[in-house]
Every structure is written in structure tokens, then in C-alpha cells.
């Protein structure tokens, strides 16, 4: 899966990274590399979900994109 990340330098000199397609998915780092590492972790946590409680007529299907 490929996902677009925007990286910019913040006012404090840190690198700020966010994912436009995942609302509120932001991270930062002292270096560009650290910001990328941190946003990868943020994306993993964002996409990780708790098992949903289903009714009898529902099912969970996982898709690989």
C-alpha cells in the first residue's frame, strides 16, 4: 500500500509530517528521517482497529490494497 505523506519544517525547526487521507494523523521529528519513522508508526496505529462487535447479518472482510 502506498500512502501520501506531506513533510514540512515547523516553526520550531522540527520536521512535521501528516497524512491527508487519514484525518488527524500527524507526527514530527528532529530530522526528516525521524519524522518519517514516527509517521510510519502513527499510520500503523491509525489503521490498527479493535475488533468490531457484529450482528448476525454482518461480517468482517479484509482487503489488501
PDB file of N, CA and C in Angstrom:
ATOM      1  N   UNK A   1       0.845  -1.173   0.000  1.00  0.00           N
ATOM      2  CA  UNK A   1       0.000   0.000   0.000  1.00  0.00           C
ATOM      3  C   UNK A   1       0.888   1.233   0.000  1.00  0.00           C
ATOM      4  N   UNK A   2       0.605   2.161  -0.857  1.00  0.00           N
ATOM      5  CA  UNK A   2       1.309   3.446  -0.872  1.00  0.00           C
ATOM      6  C   UNK A   2       0.393   4.509  -0.300  1.00  0.00           C
ATOM      7  N   UNK A   3       0.958   5.387   0.483  1.00  0.00           N
ATOM      8  CA  UNK A   3       0.164   6.444   1.092  1.00  0.00           C
ATOM      9  C   UNK A   3       0.970   7.735   1.028  1.00  0.00           C
ATOM     10  N   UNK A   4       0.314   8.817   0.703  1.00  0.00           N
ATOM     11  CA  UNK A   4       0.983  10.111   0.545  1.00  0.00           C
ATOM     12  C   UNK A   4       1.165  10.784   1.909  1.00  0.00           C
ATOM     13  N   UNK A   5       2.388  11.224   2.163  1.00  0.00           N
ATOM     14  CA  UNK A   5       2.737  11.924   3.405  1.00  0.00           C
ATOM     15  C   UNK A   5       3.304  13.285   3.025  1.00  0.00           C
ATOM     16  N   UNK A   6       2.852  14.316   3.710  1.00  0.00           N
ATOM     17  CA  UNK A   6       3.389  15.659   3.496  1.00  0.00           C
ATOM     18  C   UNK A   6       4.337  15.973   4.649  1.00  0.00           C
ATOM     19  N   UNK A   7       5.545  16.415   4.304  1.00  0.00           N
ATOM     20  CA  UNK A   7       6.549  16.778   5.311  1.00  0.00           C
ATOM     21  C   UNK A   7       6.909  18.235   5.113  1.00  0.00           C
ATOM     22  N   UNK A   8       6.959  18.956   6.211  1.00  0.00           N
ATOM     23  CA  UNK A   8       7.366  20.363   6.161  1.00  0.00           C
ATOM     24  C   UNK A   8       8.107  20.703   7.443  1.00  0.00           C
ATOM     25  N   UNK A   9       8.864  21.752   7.389  1.00  0.00           N
ATOM     26  CA  UNK A   9       9.580  22.193   8.576  1.00  0.00           C
ATOM     27  C   UNK A   9       8.681  23.126   9.376  1.00  0.00           C
ATOM     28  N   UNK A  10       8.516  22.807  10.657  1.00  0.00           N
ATOM     29  CA  UNK A  10       7.686  23.614  11.531  1.00  0.00           C
ATOM     30  C   UNK A  10       8.422  24.854  12.018  1.00  0.00           C
ATOM     31  N   UNK A  11       7.686  25.723  12.693  1.00  0.00           N
ATOM     32  CA  UNK A  11       8.269  26.963  13.216  1.00  0.00           C
ATOM     33  C   UNK A  11       9.376  26.709  14.236  1.00  0.00           C
ATOM     34  N   UNK A  12       9.295  25.567  14.924  1.00  0.00           N
ATOM     35  CA  UNK A  12      10.287  25.239  15.943  1.00  0.00           C
ATOM     36  C   UNK A  12      11.518  24.541  15.360  1.00  0.00           C
ATOM     37  N   UNK A  13      11.548  24.351  14.024  1.00  0.00           N
ATOM     38  CA  UNK A  13      12.683  23.714  13.371  1.00  0.00           C
ATOM     39  C   UNK A  13      12.527  22.213  13.199  1.00  0.00           C
ATOM     40  N   UNK A  14      11.539  21.627  13.875  1.00  0.00           N
ATOM     41  CA  UNK A  14      11.282  20.201  13.719  1.00  0.00           C
ATOM     42  C   UNK A  14      10.626  19.952  12.370  1.00  0.00           C
ATOM     43  N   UNK A  15      10.707  18.709  11.904  1.00  0.00           N
ATOM     44  CA  UNK A  15      10.014  18.305  10.688  1.00  0.00           C
ATOM     45  C   UNK A  15       8.649  17.755  11.092  1.00  0.00           C
ATOM     46  N   UNK A  16       7.604  18.246  10.451  1.00  0.00           N
ATOM     47  CA  UNK A  16       6.231  17.834  10.747  1.00  0.00           C
ATOM     48  C   UNK A  16       5.735  17.020   9.563  1.00  0.00           C
ATOM     49  N   UNK A  17       5.105  15.878   9.859  1.00  0.00           N
ATOM     50  CA  UNK A  17       4.582  15.002   8.810  1.00  0.00           C
ATOM     51  C   UNK A  17       3.112  14.735   9.077  1.00  0.00           C
ATOM     52  N   UNK A  18       2.316  14.750   8.003  1.00  0.00           N
ATOM     53  CA  UNK A  18       0.919  14.365   8.154  1.00  0.00           C
ATOM     54  C   UNK A  18       0.423  13.661   6.893  1.00  0.00           C
ATOM     55  N   UNK A  19      -0.666  12.914   7.085  1.00  0.00           N
ATOM     56  CA  UNK A  19      -1.241  12.114   6.013  1.00  0.00           C
ATOM     57  C   UNK A  19      -2.614  12.697   5.674  1.00  0.00           C
ATOM     58  N   UNK A  20      -2.736  13.364   4.528  1.00  0.00           N
ATOM     59  CA  UNK A  20      -4.010  14.000   4.168  1.00  0.00           C
ATOM     60  C   UNK A  20      -5.198  13.028   4.125  1.00  0.00           C
ATOM     61  N   UNK A  21      -4.959  11.786   3.739  1.00  0.00           N
ATOM     62  CA  UNK A  21      -6.058  10.826   3.613  1.00  0.00           C
ATOM     63  C   UNK A  21      -6.465  10.194   4.951  1.00  0.00           C
ATOM     64  N   UNK A  22      -5.707  10.472   6.013  1.00  0.00           N
ATOM     65  CA  UNK A  22      -6.038   9.955   7.347  1.00  0.00           C
ATOM     66  C   UNK A  22      -6.180  11.141   8.296  1.00  0.00           C
ATOM     67  N   UNK A  23      -7.381  11.640   8.478  1.00  0.00           N
ATOM     68  CA  UNK A  23      -7.584  12.813   9.322  1.00  0.00           C
ATOM     69  C   UNK A  23      -6.944  12.658  10.704  1.00  0.00           C
ATOM     70  N   UNK A  24      -6.299  13.697  11.148  1.00  0.00           N
ATOM     71  CA  UNK A  24      -5.644  13.751  12.467  1.00  0.00           C
ATOM     72  C   UNK A  24      -4.444  12.827  12.600  1.00  0.00           C
ATOM     73  N   UNK A  25      -3.888  12.351  11.496  1.00  0.00           N
ATOM     74  CA  UNK A  25      -2.692  11.508  11.552  1.00  0.00           C
ATOM     75  C   UNK A  25      -1.475  12.390  11.304  1.00  0.00           C
ATOM     76  N   UNK A  26      -0.845  12.835  12.411  1.00  0.00           N
ATOM     77  CA  UNK A  26       0.288  13.752  12.386  1.00  0.00           C
ATOM     78  C   UNK A  26       1.418  13.199  13.243  1.00  0.00           C
ATOM     79  N   UNK A  27       2.634  13.584  12.926  1.00  0.00           N
ATOM     80  CA  UNK A  27       3.780  13.280  13.776  1.00  0.00           C
ATOM     81  C   UNK A  27       4.880  14.284  13.460  1.00  0.00           C
ATOM     82  N   UNK A  28       5.984  14.176  14.178  1.00  0.00           N
ATOM     83  CA  UNK A  28       7.110  15.083  13.928  1.00  0.00           C
ATOM     84  C   UNK A  28       8.403  14.414  14.350  1.00  0.00           C
ATOM     85  N   UNK A  29       9.506  15.050  14.017  1.00  0.00           N
ATOM     86  CA  UNK A  29      10.826  14.562  14.413  1.00  0.00           C
ATOM     87  C   UNK A  29      11.853  15.663  14.276  1.00  0.00           C
ATOM     88  N   UNK A  30      12.955  15.488  14.968  1.00  0.00           N
ATOM     89  CA  UNK A  30      14.048  16.479  14.890  1.00  0.00           C
ATOM     90  C   UNK A  30      14.677  16.502  13.502  1.00  0.00           C
ATOM     91  N   UNK A  31      14.676  15.330  12.838  1.00  0.00           N
ATOM     92  CA  UNK A  31      15.210  15.224  11.479  1.00  0.00           C
ATOM     93  C   UNK A  31      14.103  14.711  10.554  1.00  0.00           C
ATOM     94  N   UNK A  32      14.327  14.843   9.254  1.00  0.00           N
ATOM     95  CA  UNK A  32      13.368  14.330   8.266  1.00  0.00           C
ATOM     96  C   UNK A  32      13.186  12.828   8.439  1.00  0.00           C
ATOM     97  N   UNK A  33      14.298  12.122   8.635  1.00  0.00           N
ATOM     98  CA  UNK A  33      14.262  10.673   8.802  1.00  0.00           C
ATOM     99  C   UNK A  33      13.470  10.272  10.045  1.00  0.00           C
ATOM    100  N   UNK A  34      13.669  11.003  11.132  1.00  0.00           N
ATOM    101  CA  UNK A  34      12.933  10.713  12.367  1.00  0.00           C
ATOM    102  C   UNK A  34      11.445  10.984  12.178  1.00  0.00           C
ATOM    103  N   UNK A  35      11.111  12.049  11.474  1.00  0.00           N
ATOM    104  CA  UNK A  35       9.702  12.353  11.203  1.00  0.00           C
ATOM    105  C   UNK A  35       9.061  11.248  10.368  1.00  0.00           C
ATOM    106  N   UNK A  36       9.782  10.730   9.376  1.00  0.00           N
ATOM    107  CA  UNK A  36       9.260   9.636   8.552  1.00  0.00           C
ATOM    108  C   UNK A  36       9.073   8.369   9.375  1.00  0.00           C
ATOM    109  N   UNK A  37      10.017   8.076  10.225  1.00  0.00           N
ATOM    110  CA  UNK A  37       9.913   6.908  11.102  1.00  0.00           C
ATOM    111  C   UNK A  37       8.702   7.053  12.031  1.00  0.00           C
ATOM    112  N   UNK A  38       8.529   8.233  12.590  1.00  0.00           N
ATOM    113  CA  UNK A  38       7.419   8.475  13.512  1.00  0.00           C
ATOM    114  C   UNK A  38       6.064   8.439  12.809  1.00  0.00           C
ATOM    115  N   UNK A  39       5.992   8.956  11.572  1.00  0.00           N
ATOM    116  CA  UNK A  39       4.705   8.950  10.872  1.00  0.00           C
ATOM    117  C   UNK A  39       4.344   7.525  10.445  1.00  0.00           C
ATOM    118  N   UNK A  40       5.343   6.696  10.150  1.00  0.00           N
ATOM    119  CA  UNK A  40       5.049   5.282   9.847  1.00  0.00           C
ATOM    120  C   UNK A  40       4.370   4.620  11.041  1.00  0.00           C
ATOM    121  N   UNK A  41       4.899   4.882  12.230  1.00  0.00           N
ATOM    122  CA  UNK A  41       4.307   4.326  13.444  1.00  0.00           C
ATOM    123  C   UNK A  41       2.893   4.885  13.654  1.00  0.00           C
ATOM    124  N   UNK A  42       2.715   6.179  13.415  1.00  0.00           N
ATOM    125  CA  UNK A  42       1.400   6.805  13.572  1.00  0.00           C
ATOM    126  C   UNK A  42       0.393   6.197  12.593  1.00  0.00           C
ATOM    127  N   UNK A  43       0.823   5.930  11.367  1.00  0.00           N
ATOM    128  CA  UNK A  43      -0.053   5.315  10.366  1.00  0.00           C
ATOM    129  C   UNK A  43      -0.452   3.914  10.820  1.00  0.00           C
ATOM    130  N   UNK A  44       0.515   3.132  11.290  1.00  0.00           N
ATOM    131  CA  UNK A  44       0.217   1.780  11.772  1.00  0.00           C
ATOM    132  C   UNK A  44      -0.816   1.823  12.896  1.00  0.00           C
ATOM    133  N   UNK A  45      -0.631   2.727  13.840  1.00  0.00           N
ATOM    134  CA  UNK A  45      -1.570   2.847  14.958  1.00  0.00           C
ATOM    135  C   UNK A  45      -2.931   3.330  14.480  1.00  0.00           C
ATOM    136  N   UNK A  46      -2.932   4.247  13.537  1.00  0.00           N
ATOM    137  CA  UNK A  46      -4.191   4.781  13.000  1.00  0.00           C
ATOM    138  C   UNK A  46      -5.004   3.676  12.329  1.00  0.00           C
ATOM    139  N   UNK A  47      -4.315   2.843  11.555  1.00  0.00           N
ATOM    140  CA  UNK A  47      -5.001   1.806  10.785  1.00  0.00           C
ATOM    141  C   UNK A  47      -5.337   0.569  11.610  1.00  0.00           C
ATOM    142  N   UNK A  48      -4.673   0.429  12.755  1.00  0.00           N
ATOM    143  CA  UNK A  48      -4.955  -0.697  13.634  1.00  0.00           C
ATOM    144  C   UNK A  48      -6.331  -0.471  14.252  1.00  0.00           C
ATOM    145  N   UNK A  49      -7.168  -1.481  14.214  1.00  0.00           N
ATOM    146  CA  UNK A  49      -8.508  -1.286  14.758  1.00  0.00           C
ATOM    147  C   UNK A  49      -8.848  -2.394  15.732  1.00  0.00           C
ATOM    148  N   UNK A  50      -9.700  -2.053  16.652  1.00  0.00           N
ATOM    149  CA  UNK A  50     -10.218  -3.032  17.598  1.00  0.00           C
ATOM    150  C   UNK A  50     -11.270  -3.873  16.882  1.00  0.00           C
ATOM    151  N   UNK A  51     -11.397  -5.139  17.256  1.00  0.00           N
ATOM    152  CA  UNK A  51     -12.444  -5.956  16.636  1.00  0.00           C
ATOM    153  C   UNK A  51     -13.823  -5.352  16.873  1.00  0.00           C
ATOM    154  N   UNK A  52     -14.589  -5.285  15.836  1.00  0.00           N
ATOM    155  CA  UNK A  52     -15.934  -4.721  15.925  1.00  0.00           C
ATOM    156  C   UNK A  52     -16.906  -5.771  16.455  1.00  0.00           C
ATOM    157  N   UNK A  53     -17.892  -5.305  17.179  1.00  0.00           N
ATOM    158  CA  UNK A  53     -18.970  -6.203  17.598  1.00  0.00           C
ATOM    159  C   UNK A  53     -19.961  -6.280  16.455  1.00  0.00           C
ATOM    160  N   UNK A  54     -20.230  -7.486  15.999  1.00  0.00           N
ATOM    161  CA  UNK A  54     -21.067  -7.679  14.819  1.00  0.00           C
ATOM    162  C   UNK A  54     -22.417  -8.279  15.183  1.00  0.00           C
ATOM    163  N   UNK A  55     -23.395  -7.968  14.366  1.00  0.00           N
ATOM    164  CA  UNK A  55     -24.689  -8.633  14.476  1.00  0.00           C
ATOM    165  C   UNK A  55     -24.634  -9.895  13.625  1.00  0.00           C
ATOM    166  N   UNK A  56     -25.674 -10.692  13.678  1.00  0.00           N
ATOM    167  CA  UNK A  56     -25.704 -11.952  12.922  1.00  0.00           C
ATOM    168  C   UNK A  56     -25.599 -11.752  11.414  1.00  0.00           C
ATOM    169  N   UNK A  57     -26.057 -10.614  10.910  1.00  0.00           N
ATOM    170  CA  UNK A  57     -26.074 -10.399   9.462  1.00  0.00           C
ATOM    171  C   UNK A  57     -24.878  -9.563   8.968  1.00  0.00           C
ATOM    172  N   UNK A  58     -23.849  -9.414   9.805  1.00  0.00           N
ATOM    173  CA  UNK A  58     -22.653  -8.670   9.415  1.00  0.00           C
ATOM    174  C   UNK A  58     -21.437  -9.595   9.403  1.00  0.00           C
ATOM    175  N   UNK A  59     -20.450  -9.221   8.616  1.00  0.00           N
ATOM    176  CA  UNK A  59     -19.188  -9.953   8.598  1.00  0.00           C
ATOM    177  C   UNK A  59     -18.045  -8.976   8.366  1.00  0.00           C
ATOM    178  N   UNK A  60     -16.856  -9.355   8.787  1.00  0.00           N
ATOM    179  CA  UNK A  60     -15.661  -8.552   8.545  1.00  0.00           C
ATOM    180  C   UNK A  60     -14.921  -9.168   7.376  1.00  0.00           C
ATOM    181  N   UNK A  61     -14.551  -8.343   6.419  1.00  0.00           N
ATOM    182  CA  UNK A  61     -13.778  -8.773   5.262  1.00  0.00           C
ATOM    183  C   UNK A  61     -12.551  -7.878   5.194  1.00  0.00           C
ATOM    184  N   UNK A  62     -11.374  -8.497   5.090  1.00  0.00           N
ATOM    185  CA  UNK A  62     -10.138  -7.708   4.984  1.00  0.00           C
ATOM    186  C   UNK A  62      -9.677  -7.706   3.534  1.00  0.00           C
ATOM    187  N   UNK A  63      -9.330  -6.531   3.039  1.00  0.00           N
ATOM    188  CA  UNK A  63      -8.848  -6.361   1.668  1.00  0.00           C
ATOM    189  C   UNK A  63      -7.402  -5.904   1.694  1.00  0.00           C
ATOM    190  N   UNK A  64      -6.606  -6.421   0.795  1.00  0.00           N
ATOM    191  CA  UNK A  64      -5.245  -5.959   0.602  1.00  0.00           C
ATOM    192  C   UNK A  64      -5.252  -5.019  -0.584  1.00  0.00           C
ATOM    193  N   UNK A  65      -4.738  -3.816  -0.359  1.00  0.00           N
ATOM    194  CA  UNK A  65      -4.751  -2.800  -1.417  1.00  0.00           C
ATOM    195  C   UNK A  65      -3.333  -2.543  -1.871  1.00  0.00           C
TER     196      UNK A  65
END
